[in-house]
C-alpha atoms as a PDB file:
ATOM      1  CA  UNK A   1      27.132  22.358 -24.361  1.00  0.00           C
ATOM      2  CA  UNK A   2      26.478  19.601 -26.737  1.00  0.00           C
ATOM      3  CA  UNK A   3      23.629  18.545 -27.497  1.00  0.00           C
ATOM      4  CA  UNK A   4      23.988  14.964 -27.612  1.00  0.00           C
ATOM      5  CA  UNK A   5      26.108  15.226 -23.821  1.00  0.00           C
ATOM      6  CA  UNK A   6      22.166  15.697 -23.047  1.00  0.00           C
ATOM      7  CA  UNK A   7      20.210  12.617 -21.598  1.00  0.00           C
ATOM      8  CA  UNK A   8      16.438  12.451 -20.095  1.00  0.00           C
ATOM      9  CA  UNK A   9      14.691   9.649 -17.709  1.00  0.00           C
ATOM     10  CA  UNK A  10      12.537   7.628 -19.321  1.00  0.00           C
ATOM     11  CA  UNK A  11      10.834   4.979 -18.282  1.00  0.00           C
ATOM     12  CA  UNK A  12       8.499   2.797 -21.006  1.00  0.00           C
ATOM     13  CA  UNK A  13       5.636   1.695 -19.807  1.00  0.00           C
ATOM     14  CA  UNK A  14       3.463  -1.679 -21.770  1.00  0.00           C
ATOM     15  CA  UNK A  15       5.418  -4.557 -24.120  1.00  0.00           C
ATOM     16  CA  UNK A  16       8.693  -6.084 -23.410  1.00  0.00           C
ATOM     17  CA  UNK A  17      10.458  -2.998 -21.604  1.00  0.00           C
ATOM     18  CA  UNK A  18       7.651  -2.478 -18.989  1.00  0.00           C
ATOM     19  CA  UNK A  19       8.866  -1.237 -16.155  1.00  0.00           C
ATOM     20  CA  UNK A  20      12.415  -0.637 -17.463  1.00  0.00           C
ATOM     21  CA  UNK A  21      13.942   2.972 -16.384  1.00  0.00           C
ATOM     22  CA  UNK A  22      17.036   5.109 -17.912  1.00  0.00           C
ATOM     23  CA  UNK A  23      18.585   7.610 -19.370  1.00  0.00           C
ATOM     24  CA  UNK A  24      18.731   7.875 -23.380  1.00  0.00           C
ATOM     25  CA  UNK A  25      20.425  10.880 -25.257  1.00  0.00           C
ATOM     26  CA  UNK A  26      18.292  13.602 -26.285  1.00  0.00           C
ATOM     27  CA  UNK A  27      17.795  12.301 -29.999  1.00  0.00           C
ATOM     28  CA  UNK A  28      16.802   8.705 -29.024  1.00  0.00           C
ATOM     29  CA  UNK A  29      14.181  10.569 -26.134  1.00  0.00           C
ATOM     30  CA  UNK A  30      12.252  12.927 -28.246  1.00  0.00           C
ATOM     31  CA  UNK A  31      12.711  10.552 -31.332  1.00  0.00           C
ATOM     32  CA  UNK A  32      12.093   6.743 -29.990  1.00  0.00           C
ATOM     33  CA  UNK A  33      13.691   4.026 -29.917  1.00  0.00           C
ATOM     34  CA  UNK A  34      13.025   0.324 -30.755  1.00  0.00           C
ATOM     35  CA  UNK A  35      13.395  -2.445 -27.877  1.00  0.00           C
ATOM     36  CA  UNK A  36      13.023  -6.390 -29.220  1.00  0.00           C
ATOM     37  CA  UNK A  37      11.821  -5.357 -32.410  1.00  0.00           C
ATOM     38  CA  UNK A  38       9.115  -2.995 -30.403  1.00  0.00           C
ATOM     39  CA  UNK A  39       9.062   1.535 -31.144  1.00  0.00           C
ATOM     40  CA  UNK A  40       8.747   2.848 -28.158  1.00  0.00           C
ATOM     41  CA  UNK A  41       7.681   7.672 -28.404  1.00  0.00           C
ATOM     42  CA  UNK A  42       7.209   9.712 -25.527  1.00  0.00           C
ATOM     43  CA  UNK A  43       4.088  11.839 -25.812  1.00  0.00           C
ATOM     44  CA  UNK A  44       5.693  15.193 -26.214  1.00  0.00           C
ATOM     45  CA  UNK A  45       3.465  17.285 -25.174  1.00  0.00           C
ATOM     46  CA  UNK A  46       2.932  20.293 -24.035  1.00  0.00           C
ATOM     47  CA  UNK A  47       3.264  19.145 -20.988  1.00  0.00           C
ATOM     48  CA  UNK A  48       5.159  15.502 -21.600  1.00  0.00           C
ATOM     49  CA  UNK A  49       3.845  12.377 -19.849  1.00  0.00           C
ATOM     50  CA  UNK A  50       6.191  12.004 -16.553  1.00  0.00           C
ATOM     51  CA  UNK A  51       5.974   9.551 -14.250  1.00  0.00           C
ATOM     52  CA  UNK A  52       7.269   8.997 -11.021  1.00  0.00           C
ATOM     53  CA  UNK A  53      10.093   6.604 -10.627  1.00  0.00           C
ATOM     54  CA  UNK A  54      12.374   6.046  -7.704  1.00  0.00           C
ATOM     55  CA  UNK A  55      15.007   8.560 -10.197  1.00  0.00           C
ATOM     56  CA  UNK A  56      13.413  10.509 -10.312  1.00  0.00           C
ATOM     57  CA  UNK A  57      10.874  11.810 -12.964  1.00  0.00           C
ATOM     58  CA  UNK A  58      10.336  10.544 -16.571  1.00  0.00           C
ATOM     59  CA  UNK A  59       9.295  11.009 -19.150  1.00  0.00           C
ATOM     60  CA  UNK A  60       6.460   8.201 -20.222  1.00  0.00           C
ATOM     61  CA  UNK A  61       7.391   5.661 -23.223  1.00  0.00           C
ATOM     62  CA  UNK A  62       4.761   3.898 -24.254  1.00  0.00           C
ATOM     63  CA  UNK A  63       4.799   1.079 -27.520  1.00  0.00           C
ATOM     64  CA  UNK A  64       3.256   1.788 -31.148  1.00  0.00           C
END
């Protein structure tokens, strides 16, 4: 399986993306993503921080 084809459901808590839930490629979900100039990162754990969303369990990403 191509690692670039793996996606992770994430939800953003805080900052300009607060409340947004989306699928991100694995590399972004584990490394970080910048939205409107704010960098978000997840807590990889173990276990990673997750939150129940309407789309399912999602990894939480918070602004740095």
